[in-house]
Amino acid sequence: MIAILQFVTLAIATLLAAAAAAAVHWLLLQATFLLMRPATAHRIAPRTELARGTAALARAYTAHR
């Protein structure tokens, strides 16, 4: 009877350790992805009016050439 109790205690302790290891692994994975994110991820995209204007100018120049 004591052997069964010890085995069950060992099994429960193993399951708790595995759950704790999985939780720590998940937290470290989230931290890794957070650190790998580029610094410009939250910045607003630059305005593209100059590029559009340059493209329009190039089209206008090639049309009259």
Protein backbone atom coordinates (compact mmCIF):
# COMPACT_ATOMS: atom_id res chain seq x y z
CA MET A 1 0.00 0.00 0.00
CA ILE A 2 2.82 2.38 0.83
CA ALA A 3 4.52 1.54 -2.47
CA ILE A 4 1.39 2.51 -4.39
CA LEU A 5 1.15 5.78 -2.44
CA GLN A 6 4.78 6.57 -3.21
CA PHE A 7 4.25 5.77 -6.89
CA VAL A 8 1.18 8.01 -7.08
CA THR A 9 3.06 10.80 -5.30
CA LEU A 10 5.92 10.45 -7.77
CA ALA A 11 3.51 10.49 -10.73
CA ILE A 12 1.72 13.62 -9.47
CA ALA A 13 5.02 15.37 -8.77
CA THR A 14 6.21 14.49 -12.27
CA LEU A 15 3.03 15.85 -13.85
CA LEU A 16 3.30 19.08 -11.86
CA ALA A 17 6.95 19.48 -12.88
CA ALA A 18 6.08 18.86 -16.52
CA ALA A 19 3.29 21.46 -16.37
CA ALA A 20 5.62 23.99 -14.74
CA ALA A 21 8.31 23.32 -17.36
CA ALA A 22 5.78 23.79 -20.18
CA ALA A 23 4.60 27.07 -18.67
CA VAL A 24 8.14 28.40 -18.31
CA HIS A 25 8.94 27.30 -21.86
CA TRP A 26 5.85 29.11 -23.19
CA LEU A 27 6.77 32.30 -21.29
CA LEU A 28 10.33 32.22 -22.61
CA LEU A 29 9.04 31.63 -26.14
CA GLN A 30 6.74 34.66 -25.86
CA ALA A 31 9.63 36.77 -24.56
CA THR A 32 11.81 35.60 -27.45
CA PHE A 33 9.21 36.63 -30.02
CA LEU A 34 8.78 39.95 -28.27
CA LEU A 35 12.51 40.61 -28.42
CA MET A 36 12.75 39.45 -32.03
CA ARG A 37 10.06 41.90 -33.17
CA PRO A 38 11.60 44.74 -35.17
CA ALA A 39 11.78 48.15 -33.56
CA THR A 40 9.56 49.62 -36.27
CA ALA A 41 6.64 47.30 -35.59
CA HIS A 42 4.65 49.98 -33.73
CA ARG A 43 5.64 52.95 -35.83
CA ILE A 44 3.32 54.56 -38.33
CA ALA A 45 4.23 53.90 -41.93
CA PRO A 46 5.97 56.83 -43.62
CA ARG A 47 3.93 58.95 -45.96
CA THR A 48 4.23 57.95 -49.60
CA GLU A 49 3.18 61.18 -51.28
CA LEU A 50 6.72 61.86 -52.45
CA ALA A 51 6.96 58.44 -54.06
CA ARG A 52 3.57 58.86 -55.71
CA GLY A 53 4.52 62.32 -56.89
CA THR A 54 7.82 61.03 -58.26
CA ALA A 55 6.01 58.24 -60.12
CA ALA A 56 3.50 60.73 -61.55
CA LEU A 57 6.33 63.02 -62.62
CA ALA A 58 8.10 60.12 -64.31
CA ARG A 59 4.91 59.15 -66.15
CA ALA A 60 4.36 62.72 -67.25
CA TYR A 61 7.94 63.05 -68.43
CA THR A 62 7.86 59.83 -70.46
CA ALA A 63 4.49 60.73 -72.04
CA HIS A 64 5.85 63.99 -73.53
CA ARG A 65 9.18 62.66 -74.62
